Amino acid sequence: MAGLNLRFTEEELDALRARAESEGRSMQSFAHDAVITAINEHSRPFNEAADHVLKVGGELNRRLA
């Protein structure tokens, strides 16, 4: 599995450490899941729009057939 080094200010690192600890998780696990969540959330509007277009397009195709 590939790795990635990230740089944080001391304040950011302290906040990350505290948040991960409050959830009983490692900082690495918490940061990994936060990045994956951000990636997935970024894709959500596109996926919703694509679903809508497919639904509307499917209805139109049935009418035209």
C-alpha atoms as a PDB file:
ATOM      1  CA  MET A   1       0.000   0.000   0.000  1.00  0.00           C
ATOM      2  CA  ALA A   2       1.343   3.431  -0.924  1.00  0.00           C
ATOM      3  CA  GLY A   3       1.984   6.080   1.703  1.00  0.00           C
ATOM      4  CA  LEU A   4       1.727   9.837   1.908  1.00  0.00           C
ATOM      5  CA  ASN A   5       3.462  12.259   4.235  1.00  0.00           C
ATOM      6  CA  LEU A   6       1.400  15.222   5.396  1.00  0.00           C
ATOM      7  CA  ARG A   7       2.576  18.354   7.171  1.00  0.00           C
ATOM      8  CA  PHE A   8       0.544  20.028   9.891  1.00  0.00           C
ATOM      9  CA  THR A   9       1.091  23.004  12.145  1.00  0.00           C
ATOM     10  CA  GLU A  10       1.482  22.136  15.819  1.00  0.00           C
ATOM     11  CA  GLU A  11      -2.052  23.375  16.445  1.00  0.00           C
ATOM     12  CA  GLU A  12      -3.473  21.249  13.630  1.00  0.00           C
ATOM     13  CA  LEU A  13      -1.571  18.200  14.831  1.00  0.00           C
ATOM     14  CA  ASP A  14      -2.802  18.735  18.395  1.00  0.00           C
ATOM     15  CA  ALA A  15      -6.399  18.994  17.118  1.00  0.00           C
ATOM     16  CA  LEU A  16      -5.971  15.852  15.006  1.00  0.00           C
ATOM     17  CA  ARG A  17      -4.485  13.952  17.937  1.00  0.00           C
ATOM     18  CA  ALA A  18      -7.288  15.051  20.269  1.00  0.00           C
ATOM     19  CA  ARG A  19     -10.061  14.212  17.805  1.00  0.00           C
ATOM     20  CA  ALA A  20      -8.639  10.790  16.959  1.00  0.00           C
ATOM     21  CA  GLU A  21      -8.109  10.031  20.642  1.00  0.00           C
ATOM     22  CA  SER A  22     -11.685  11.064  21.483  1.00  0.00           C
ATOM     23  CA  GLU A  23     -12.900   8.469  18.971  1.00  0.00           C
ATOM     24  CA  GLY A  24     -10.478   5.825  20.200  1.00  0.00           C
ATOM     25  CA  ARG A  25      -8.663   5.741  16.865  1.00  0.00           C
ATOM     26  CA  SER A  26      -5.157   6.277  15.595  1.00  0.00           C
ATOM     27  CA  MET A  27      -4.340   9.589  13.933  1.00  0.00           C
ATOM     28  CA  GLN A  28      -3.480   7.698  10.747  1.00  0.00           C
ATOM     29  CA  SER A  29      -6.841   5.934  10.646  1.00  0.00           C
ATOM     30  CA  PHE A  30      -8.725   9.134  11.407  1.00  0.00           C
ATOM     31  CA  ALA A  31      -6.856  11.135   8.749  1.00  0.00           C
ATOM     32  CA  HIS A  32      -7.283   8.372   6.159  1.00  0.00           C
ATOM     33  CA  ASP A  33     -11.035   8.208   6.698  1.00  0.00           C
ATOM     34  CA  ALA A  34     -11.316  12.017   6.613  1.00  0.00           C
ATOM     35  CA  VAL A  35      -9.605  12.144   3.224  1.00  0.00           C
ATOM     36  CA  ILE A  36     -11.753   9.333   1.819  1.00  0.00           C
ATOM     37  CA  THR A  37     -14.893  11.075   3.086  1.00  0.00           C
ATOM     38  CA  ALA A  38     -13.804  14.316   1.395  1.00  0.00           C
ATOM     39  CA  ILE A  39     -13.176  12.475  -1.878  1.00  0.00           C
ATOM     40  CA  ASN A  40     -16.563  10.768  -1.759  1.00  0.00           C
ATOM     41  CA  GLU A  41     -18.403  13.964  -0.805  1.00  0.00           C
ATOM     42  CA  HIS A  42     -16.807  15.765  -3.738  1.00  0.00           C
ATOM     43  CA  SER A  43     -18.189  13.093  -6.082  1.00  0.00           C
ATOM     44  CA  ARG A  44     -21.688  13.099  -4.605  1.00  0.00           C
ATOM     45  CA  PRO A  45     -23.166  16.076  -6.549  1.00  0.00           C
ATOM     46  CA  PHE A  46     -21.926  14.624  -9.846  1.00  0.00           C
ATOM     47  CA  ASN A  47     -23.323  11.192  -9.032  1.00  0.00           C
ATOM     48  CA  GLU A  48     -26.686  12.667  -8.067  1.00  0.00           C
ATOM     49  CA  ALA A  49     -26.814  14.691 -11.290  1.00  0.00           C
ATOM     50  CA  ALA A  50     -25.888  11.644 -13.373  1.00  0.00           C
ATOM     51  CA  ASP A  51     -28.610   9.592 -11.688  1.00  0.00           C
ATOM     52  CA  HIS A  52     -31.138  12.323 -12.444  1.00  0.00           C
ATOM     53  CA  VAL A  53     -30.104  12.548 -16.104  1.00  0.00           C
ATOM     54  CA  LEU A  54     -30.315   8.781 -16.498  1.00  0.00           C
ATOM     55  CA  LYS A  55     -33.764   8.719 -14.918  1.00  0.00           C
ATOM     56  CA  VAL A  56     -35.088  11.574 -17.053  1.00  0.00           C
ATOM     57  CA  GLY A  57     -33.358  10.256 -20.168  1.00  0.00           C
ATOM     58  CA  GLY A  58     -34.765   6.798 -19.612  1.00  0.00           C
ATOM     59  CA  GLU A  59     -38.286   8.153 -19.448  1.00  0.00           C
ATOM     60  CA  LEU A  60     -37.727  10.197 -22.596  1.00  0.00           C
ATOM     61  CA  ASN A  61     -36.314   7.172 -24.417  1.00  0.00           C
ATOM     62  CA  ARG A  62     -39.381   5.119 -23.487  1.00  0.00           C
ATOM     63  CA  ARG A  63     -41.646   7.872 -24.865  1.00  0.00           C
ATOM     64  CA  LEU A  64     -39.689   8.081 -28.102  1.00  0.00           C
ATOM     65  CA  ALA A  65     -39.580   4.319 -28.660  1.00  0.00           C
END
